[in-house]
Protein backbone atom coordinates (compact mmCIF):
# COMPACT_ATOMS: atom_id res chain seq x y z
CA MET A 1 -17.05 -1.35 22.01
CA LYS A 2 -14.05 0.31 23.70
CA ILE A 3 -11.00 0.19 21.51
CA ALA A 4 -7.24 0.83 22.34
CA TYR A 5 -5.44 1.79 19.15
CA TYR A 6 -1.60 1.54 19.26
CA CYS A 7 0.03 3.74 16.49
CA ASN A 8 2.39 6.51 16.00
CA TYR A 9 -0.28 9.17 15.77
CA VAL A 10 0.26 12.81 16.61
CA GLY A 11 -2.72 15.07 16.98
CA ASN A 12 -3.00 18.85 16.37
CA ASP A 13 -1.97 19.83 19.84
CA PHE A 14 1.18 17.71 19.70
CA ARG A 15 2.10 18.99 16.28
CA GLU A 16 1.56 22.63 17.27
CA ARG A 17 3.54 22.37 20.51
CA PHE A 18 6.47 20.24 19.56
CA CYS A 19 6.64 19.86 15.75
CA GLN A 20 7.12 23.51 14.49
CA GLY A 21 9.64 23.53 11.74
CA LYS A 22 9.89 19.74 11.65
CA LYS A 23 9.27 17.91 8.46
CA PHE A 24 7.71 14.46 8.57
CA ALA A 25 5.31 12.38 6.45
CA LEU A 26 1.65 12.93 7.22
CA SER A 27 0.30 10.02 5.19
CA GLY A 28 0.50 7.40 8.08
CA ILE A 29 -0.94 9.89 10.54
CA LEU A 30 -3.88 10.73 8.21
CA LYS A 31 -4.57 7.00 7.62
CA SER A 32 -4.60 6.34 11.42
CA GLN A 33 -6.87 9.32 11.93
CA GLY A 34 -9.16 8.03 9.24
CA ILE A 35 -9.29 4.48 10.82
CA ALA A 36 -10.12 6.04 14.23
CA ARG A 37 -12.83 8.24 12.79
CA ALA A 38 -14.36 5.33 10.95
CA LEU A 39 -14.55 3.38 14.27
CA LEU A 40 -16.05 6.36 16.07
CA LYS A 41 -18.65 6.64 13.21
CA ALA A 42 -19.60 2.97 13.91
CA GLY A 43 -20.37 3.95 17.62
CA HIS A 44 -17.16 2.64 19.14
CA GLU A 45 -15.03 4.55 21.78
CA VAL A 46 -11.46 4.98 20.47
CA ILE A 47 -8.40 5.81 22.55
CA ILE A 48 -5.07 6.11 20.74
CA TYR A 49 -1.89 5.11 22.66
CA SER A 50 0.98 6.69 20.83
CA PRO A 51 4.77 6.69 21.15
CA ALA A 52 4.55 9.75 18.80
CA LEU A 53 7.75 10.89 16.88
CA THR A 54 11.51 10.87 17.55
CA ILE A 55 12.27 14.09 15.69
CA CYS A 56 11.37 16.72 18.24
CA ASN A 57 14.76 16.73 20.00
CA ARG A 58 13.41 17.32 23.42
CA PHE A 59 11.77 15.66 26.50
CA ILE A 60 8.05 15.72 26.39
CA SER A 61 6.00 15.04 29.53
CA SER A 62 3.11 12.64 29.45
CA PHE A 63 -0.13 14.16 28.50
CA GLU A 64 -3.44 13.57 26.48
CA GLU A 65 -5.38 15.49 23.99
CA ARG A 66 -8.87 15.27 22.54
CA GLU A 67 -9.81 16.00 18.88
CA ASP A 68 -13.39 16.58 17.98
CA PHE A 69 -14.62 15.24 14.66
CA GLU A 70 -18.21 15.05 13.33
CA GLU A 71 -18.05 11.34 14.11
CA GLY A 72 -17.16 11.88 17.82
CA THR A 73 -14.27 12.78 20.08
CA LEU A 74 -10.89 10.99 19.74
CA THR A 75 -8.68 10.71 22.83
CA VAL A 76 -4.94 10.49 22.27
CA LYS A 77 -2.56 9.55 25.08
CA TYR A 78 1.20 10.02 25.01
CA PRO A 79 3.70 8.68 27.65
CA SER A 80 6.67 10.76 28.76
CA LEU A 81 8.98 10.72 25.75
CA LEU A 82 12.54 11.33 24.81
CA SER A 83 11.82 12.52 21.42
CA TYR A 84 15.31 11.91 19.91
CA ARG A 85 16.58 9.58 17.35
CA LYS A 86 17.30 6.04 18.51
CA PHE A 87 15.03 6.41 21.58
CA GLY A 88 12.22 4.51 20.09
CA VAL A 89 12.65 1.48 22.35
CA PHE A 90 12.59 3.68 25.45
CA ASN A 91 9.51 5.41 24.29
CA ASN A 92 7.71 2.11 23.62
CA TYR A 93 8.65 1.00 27.18
CA MET A 94 7.23 4.23 28.56
CA LEU A 95 4.03 3.66 26.59
CA LYS A 96 3.80 0.16 27.94
CA ARG A 97 3.87 1.55 31.53
CA LEU A 98 1.12 4.05 30.69
CA ILE A 99 -1.13 1.32 29.23
CA ARG A 100 -0.50 -0.92 32.25
CA LYS A 101 -1.48 1.95 34.59
CA ASP A 102 -4.65 2.61 32.57
CA LEU A 103 -5.60 -1.14 32.50
CA ARG A 104 -5.84 -1.08 36.32
CA LYS A 105 -8.81 1.25 35.96
CA GLN A 106 -10.48 0.34 32.74
CA ARG A 107 -11.09 -2.46 30.38
CA TYR A 108 -10.86 -2.55 26.54
CA ASP A 109 -12.87 -4.81 24.23
CA VAL A 110 -10.36 -4.53 21.28
CA PHE A 111 -6.64 -3.94 21.03
CA LEU A 112 -5.81 -2.62 17.54
CA PHE A 113 -2.13 -2.21 16.68
CA TYR A 114 -0.31 -0.79 13.70
CA ASN A 115 2.23 -3.30 12.17
CA ILE A 116 4.31 -6.07 13.71
CA THR A 117 6.55 -4.02 15.93
CA GLN A 118 8.53 -4.24 19.13
CA GLY A 119 6.03 -1.86 20.84
CA ALA A 120 3.04 -4.07 19.94
CA ALA A 121 4.95 -7.15 21.17
CA MET A 122 5.59 -5.32 24.54
CA SER A 123 1.93 -4.45 25.03
CA ILE A 124 -0.19 -7.21 23.43
CA ASP A 125 -0.23 -9.56 26.43
CA MET A 126 -1.70 -6.98 28.73
CA PHE A 127 -4.95 -7.07 26.71
CA LYS A 128 -5.86 -10.61 27.91
CA ASP A 129 -9.48 -10.89 27.13
CA ALA A 130 -9.58 -8.29 24.32
CA ILE A 131 -9.95 -8.96 20.56
CA LYS A 132 -6.56 -8.38 19.09
CA ILE A 133 -6.40 -6.81 15.55
CA LEU A 134 -3.27 -6.23 13.55
CA GLU A 135 -3.36 -3.27 11.10
CA TYR A 136 -0.72 -4.59 8.58
CA GLU A 137 0.69 -2.04 6.29
CA ASP A 138 4.39 -2.84 5.94
CA ASN A 139 5.49 -6.40 5.52
CA ILE A 140 7.99 -7.13 8.34
CA PHE A 141 10.07 -9.23 6.02
CA ASN A 142 10.43 -6.46 3.35
CA LYS A 143 14.07 -6.37 2.26
CA ASN A 144 16.30 -3.31 2.02
CA LEU A 145 16.31 -2.21 -1.51
CA VAL A 146 20.05 -1.85 -2.19
CA GLY A 147 21.49 -5.33 -2.25
CA GLU A 148 18.13 -7.00 -1.57
CA THR A 149 19.01 -7.81 2.00
CA ASN A 150 16.79 -8.04 5.09
CA LYS A 151 18.49 -6.66 8.15
CA TYR A 152 17.76 -8.36 11.54
CA GLY A 153 15.87 -11.13 9.81
CA SER A 154 16.01 -13.51 12.86
CA TYR A 155 14.78 -10.83 15.26
CA LYS A 156 11.91 -9.99 12.86
CA GLN A 157 11.00 -13.62 12.69
CA ARG A 158 10.82 -13.89 16.42
CA LEU A 159 8.58 -10.76 16.57
CA PHE A 160 6.35 -12.33 13.98
CA ASP A 161 6.18 -15.76 15.75
CA TYR A 162 5.38 -13.88 19.04
CA ILE A 163 2.63 -11.54 17.72
CA ILE A 164 0.75 -13.57 15.09
CA PRO A 165 -0.42 -16.49 17.36
CA ARG A 166 -1.91 -13.88 19.74
CA THR A 167 -3.79 -12.06 16.94
CA ASP A 168 -7.46 -12.66 16.13
CA GLY A 169 -7.73 -10.63 13.07
CA VAL A 170 -5.70 -8.64 10.46
CA MET A 171 -6.47 -5.54 8.47
CA SER A 172 -4.07 -5.82 5.56
CA VAL A 173 -3.40 -3.23 2.85
CA CYS A 174 -2.93 -5.76 0.00
CA MET A 175 -3.93 -9.26 -1.14
CA GLY A 176 -0.69 -11.12 -0.56
CA MET A 177 -0.12 -10.41 3.13
CA LEU A 178 -0.82 -13.21 5.64
CA THR A 179 -2.61 -15.49 3.19
CA ASN A 180 -1.65 -18.90 4.70
CA GLY A 181 -4.28 -18.90 7.46
CA GLU A 182 -1.91 -17.58 10.09
CA VAL A 183 -4.77 -15.38 11.45
CA PRO A 184 -8.39 -16.57 11.43
CA PHE A 185 -10.08 -13.31 10.23
CA ARG A 186 -8.82 -11.01 7.56
CA ILE A 187 -10.07 -7.85 5.75
CA LEU A 188 -8.45 -5.53 3.13
CA THR A 189 -8.06 -1.90 4.21
CA PRO A 190 -5.81 -0.20 1.62
CA GLY A 191 -6.38 3.26 2.79
CA ILE A 192 -8.91 5.95 3.63
CA VAL A 193 -9.87 8.93 1.71
CA ASN A 194 -10.54 11.58 4.29
CA ASP A 195 -12.51 14.78 4.22
CA GLU A 196 -9.40 16.77 3.16
CA VAL A 197 -9.10 14.71 -0.02
CA VAL A 198 -12.84 14.72 -0.75
CA SER A 199 -13.04 18.48 -0.48
CA SER A 200 -9.97 19.01 -2.71
CA VAL A 201 -10.94 16.84 -5.74
CA SER A 202 -13.58 17.29 -8.51
CA ASN A 203 -15.04 14.95 -11.05
CA ARG A 204 -14.23 17.07 -13.97
CA ARG A 205 -13.07 15.32 -17.09
CA ASN A 206 -9.47 16.28 -17.77
CA THR A 207 -8.11 16.65 -21.34
CA LEU A 208 -4.64 17.22 -22.74
CA ILE A 209 -4.07 20.49 -24.41
CA GLU A 210 -2.46 20.35 -27.87
CA GLY A 211 0.92 22.00 -27.97
CA LYS A 212 1.45 22.05 -24.22
CA PRO A 213 3.59 19.53 -22.22
CA VAL A 214 1.93 16.72 -20.45
CA LYS A 215 2.01 17.32 -16.74
CA ILE A 216 3.21 14.32 -14.75
CA PHE A 217 3.27 14.22 -10.95
CA LEU A 218 4.93 11.94 -8.43
CA THR A 219 4.31 12.65 -4.74
CA GLY A 220 6.47 11.43 -1.81
CA GLY A 221 9.31 10.73 -4.24
CA THR A 222 12.61 11.78 -2.55
CA HIS A 223 13.65 8.34 -1.09
CA TYR A 224 15.26 5.61 -3.16
CA SER A 225 12.39 3.26 -2.46
CA LYS A 226 10.07 5.55 -4.25
CA GLY A 227 11.90 5.22 -7.52
CA SER A 228 12.06 8.68 -8.78
CA ASP A 229 15.26 7.92 -10.61
CA LEU A 230 13.36 5.27 -12.63
CA LEU A 231 10.79 7.86 -13.61
CA ILE A 232 13.36 10.45 -14.45
CA GLY A 233 15.34 7.97 -16.51
CA ALA A 234 12.16 6.98 -18.37
CA LEU A 235 11.91 10.51 -19.81
CA ARG A 236 14.86 9.70 -22.04
CA TYR A 237 12.43 7.30 -23.88
CA VAL A 238 9.24 9.45 -23.77
CA LYS A 239 9.01 11.38 -27.09
CA THR A 240 6.03 13.51 -26.01
CA PRO A 241 7.14 16.66 -24.21
CA CYS A 242 6.33 16.47 -20.53
CA THR A 243 6.77 18.45 -17.34
CA LEU A 244 7.54 16.27 -14.39
CA GLU A 245 6.76 17.49 -10.89
CA ILE A 246 8.21 15.55 -7.92
CA TYR A 247 7.06 16.40 -4.38
CA GLY A 248 8.49 15.05 -1.11
CA ASN A 249 10.35 15.68 2.17
CA GLY A 250 14.15 15.42 2.37
CA ALA A 251 16.96 15.59 -0.01
CA PHE A 252 17.04 13.75 -3.33
CA TYR A 253 19.39 10.76 -3.59
CA GLN A 254 22.31 10.83 -5.97
CA LYS A 255 21.07 8.33 -8.49
CA ALA A 256 18.06 10.49 -9.16
CA LEU A 257 20.19 13.60 -9.46
CA ASP A 258 22.45 11.82 -11.88
CA GLU A 259 19.51 10.88 -14.11
CA LEU A 260 18.54 14.55 -14.36
CA LYS A 261 21.64 15.22 -16.37
CA LEU A 262 20.47 12.84 -19.11
CA VAL A 263 16.93 14.25 -19.60
CA PRO A 264 16.26 15.53 -23.12
CA ASP A 265 15.86 19.31 -23.40
CA TYR A 266 12.17 19.06 -24.58
CA HIS A 267 11.14 17.79 -21.05
CA GLN A 268 11.30 19.77 -17.76
CA VAL A 269 11.82 18.26 -14.33
CA HIS A 270 11.07 20.18 -11.06
CA LEU A 271 12.22 18.74 -7.75
CA ASN A 272 9.90 20.34 -5.21
CA GLY A 273 9.99 20.11 -1.51
CA TYR A 274 7.22 19.67 1.05
CA MET A 275 3.70 20.98 0.37
CA PRO A 276 0.83 20.82 2.90
CA HIS A 277 -1.32 17.75 2.19
CA GLY A 278 -4.50 19.70 1.37
CA ASP A 279 -2.72 22.06 -0.90
CA LEU A 280 -1.02 19.22 -2.68
CA MET A 281 -4.35 17.46 -3.34
CA LYS A 282 -5.82 20.65 -4.77
CA LEU A 283 -2.82 21.07 -7.03
CA LEU A 284 -3.19 17.57 -8.33
CA ASP A 285 -6.83 18.24 -9.02
CA LYS A 286 -6.00 21.47 -10.85
CA GLU A 287 -2.78 20.64 -12.71
CA ALA A 288 -2.07 16.94 -13.05
CA ASP A 289 -2.60 15.04 -16.30
CA ILE A 290 -0.90 11.74 -15.20
CA LEU A 291 -0.07 10.47 -11.68
CA ILE A 292 2.80 8.16 -11.15
CA ASN A 293 3.73 5.59 -8.52
CA THR A 294 7.18 4.14 -9.06
CA THR A 295 7.64 2.53 -5.69
CA ARG A 296 10.16 -0.25 -5.84
CA SER A 297 9.60 -3.94 -5.05
CA MET A 298 10.66 -4.88 -1.47
CA GLY A 299 11.82 -8.37 -2.48
CA VAL A 300 8.81 -10.25 -1.19
CA GLY A 301 6.45 -9.99 -4.16
CA ALA A 302 4.31 -7.20 -5.53
CA GLN A 303 1.24 -8.27 -3.61
CA ALA A 304 3.00 -8.86 -0.35
CA ALA A 305 5.19 -5.88 0.27
CA GLY A 306 2.42 -3.41 1.07
CA PHE A 307 0.23 -0.90 -0.78
CA PRO A 308 1.27 2.75 -1.25
CA PHE A 309 -1.25 4.94 0.52
CA LYS A 310 -0.93 7.58 -2.23
CA MET A 311 -2.56 5.13 -4.76
CA MET A 312 -5.94 5.72 -3.08
CA GLU A 313 -5.37 9.46 -3.04
CA TYR A 314 -4.31 9.39 -6.72
CA ALA A 315 -7.37 7.29 -7.58
CA SER A 316 -9.60 10.01 -5.86
CA THR A 317 -8.61 12.60 -8.36
CA GLY A 318 -10.04 10.84 -11.44
CA ARG A 319 -6.77 11.09 -13.37
CA PRO A 320 -4.97 8.34 -15.12
CA ILE A 321 -2.43 6.44 -13.03
CA VAL A 322 0.82 4.75 -14.07
CA SER A 323 2.13 2.37 -11.41
CA SER A 324 4.67 -0.37 -10.54
CA GLU A 325 3.27 -3.67 -9.52
CA LEU A 326 3.39 -2.47 -5.90
CA GLY A 327 0.35 -0.40 -6.61
CA LYS A 328 -1.85 -3.38 -7.43
CA PHE A 329 -4.93 -4.04 -5.31
CA ASP A 330 -7.82 -6.15 -6.48
CA ASP A 331 -8.97 -7.10 -10.02
CA ASP A 332 -11.38 -4.27 -10.35
CA PHE A 333 -8.89 -1.61 -9.12
CA ASN A 334 -6.18 -3.06 -11.36
CA ARG A 335 -8.35 -2.87 -14.53
CA HIS A 336 -8.49 0.92 -14.06
CA VAL A 337 -4.66 1.51 -13.66
CA SER A 338 -1.83 1.24 -16.22
CA TYR A 339 0.92 -0.91 -14.79
CA TYR A 340 4.49 -1.74 -15.68
CA GLU A 341 6.66 -4.61 -14.61
CA GLY A 342 10.17 -4.62 -13.16
CA GLU A 343 12.43 -1.47 -12.97
CA ASP A 344 13.15 -0.88 -16.66
CA PRO A 345 12.86 2.87 -17.47
CA GLN A 346 11.97 1.83 -21.07
CA LYS A 347 8.95 -0.09 -19.91
CA ILE A 348 7.89 2.81 -17.77
CA ALA A 349 8.15 5.13 -20.81
CA ASP A 350 6.16 2.73 -22.99
CA VAL A 351 3.26 2.81 -20.49
CA ILE A 352 3.43 6.64 -20.15
CA GLU A 353 3.22 6.92 -24.00
CA ASP A 354 0.29 4.53 -24.10
CA VAL A 355 -1.58 6.62 -21.54
CA ILE A 356 -0.89 9.83 -23.55
CA HIS A 357 -1.91 8.40 -26.90
CA ASN A 358 -5.11 6.81 -25.39
CA TYR A 359 -5.77 9.61 -22.95
CA ASP A 360 -9.54 9.95 -23.32
CA ALA A 361 -10.12 6.21 -22.70
CA LYS A 362 -7.73 6.30 -19.69
CA VAL A 363 -9.58 9.19 -18.19
CA THR A 364 -12.95 7.31 -18.55
CA LYS A 365 -11.43 4.49 -16.52
CA ALA A 366 -9.84 6.87 -14.04
CA LEU A 367 -13.28 8.51 -13.33
CA GLU A 368 -14.89 5.13 -12.85
CA LEU A 369 -12.22 4.26 -10.28
CA GLN A 370 -12.69 7.67 -8.56
CA LYS A 371 -16.42 6.88 -8.09
CA ARG A 372 -15.61 3.57 -6.42
CA VAL A 373 -12.79 4.97 -4.23
CA LEU A 374 -14.80 7.94 -3.00
CA ASP A 375 -17.62 5.58 -1.93
CA GLU A 376 -15.92 2.48 -0.66
CA PHE A 377 -12.85 3.93 0.96
CA SER A 378 -14.35 7.07 2.43
CA ILE A 379 -14.78 7.22 6.26
CA SER A 380 -18.31 6.06 5.88
CA GLY A 381 -17.49 3.13 3.69
CA THR A 382 -14.66 2.09 5.88
CA SER A 383 -16.75 2.47 9.01
CA ARG A 384 -19.35 -0.07 7.72
CA LYS A 385 -16.59 -2.57 6.70
CA LEU A 386 -14.65 -2.33 10.02
CA ASP A 387 -17.76 -2.59 12.12
CA THR A 388 -18.85 -5.74 10.32
CA PHE A 389 -15.31 -7.12 10.70
CA ILE A 390 -15.16 -6.58 14.45
CA LYS A 391 -18.47 -8.17 14.94
CA GLN A 392 -17.44 -11.24 12.80
CA ILE A 393 -14.37 -11.69 15.09
CA GLN A 394 -16.51 -11.28 18.23
CA THR A 395 -19.01 -13.89 17.01
CA GLY A 396 -16.18 -16.38 15.93
CA LYS A 397 -14.43 -16.11 19.30
CA GLN A 398 -17.68 -16.68 21.16
CA LYS A 399 -18.21 -19.88 19.16
CA LEU A 400 -14.91 -21.15 20.06
CA GLN A 401 -15.41 -20.63 23.82
């Protein structure tokens, strides 16, 4: 099948030409790349339509690039862009024009789009006869964390009401998204473990070294939503000496910096900046004893807000994971992770201490989870799942005609 994939992907050529010196999260880009490669592996033709980024601070003329992977060649098309903050709507409009132009010359069997967005709403009706699939990662109704408010709630509801009736299938990242039958076909796609991750991790059995601090890592932890202040605050109640390493783009927020002043002297906390993804995965494999996900609730329920992509990367390392409820997936996955409820630093500390005192058993569970993740959520595993899913939708639609 020929698939048009609408997402904010940027390929190597775009990054080399326009993103030098710019810092931005690669996790979403890597996931989109993994989805595209999985579809290529299943024998589909994939063309990404991307409004790219708004951080380059320049005009970018429309162009396309091709990336060669072992699964096939991925084509990425960009419209003419004003890559500046607050120009997202304009760039979505320019991408709509590019898609309309292409549709005069070619036909697509599938329109796959990332999240419920204004850009998707502007383009979905142009794919009249195509199967329409929503890749749903971030619940559109997630609330802002400070004050538990939801900005532009009525506008988001209108977007939801416009897009969902036009959607045939949804690839959601967690169990609680679109569970009321709003879309006839549904599959779970929490993340993809790509080649960079697979080549960076090992299946060695990690052990704690007596007399040395326990090494705890949190990645992508500079924003308030990631809860690094909760983790730093929890160290006040952890009696076992630890070294906490936090990695992420951007400046740390004040609440996290305030918590640093209260950390006992027998702990160390290092606030690190950006590290290339492959290097970071190798560091986790080499150094980490415990991996932490303290992502806060978004006010819509732990299984409805979304699923942090880093949980799959954490699981691929074979190291014990401590996580908030936002890191829950299915029953089997959850049995292999140590969770805490709410946002109480004392409860986080209790779970960390439990992992430390039962470390060998926790490593056994972590290695079991690693085996599942590297098989089921690899490009090959995801390819089988997505190909079956698309065929199910195709068969279901034919029966209705």
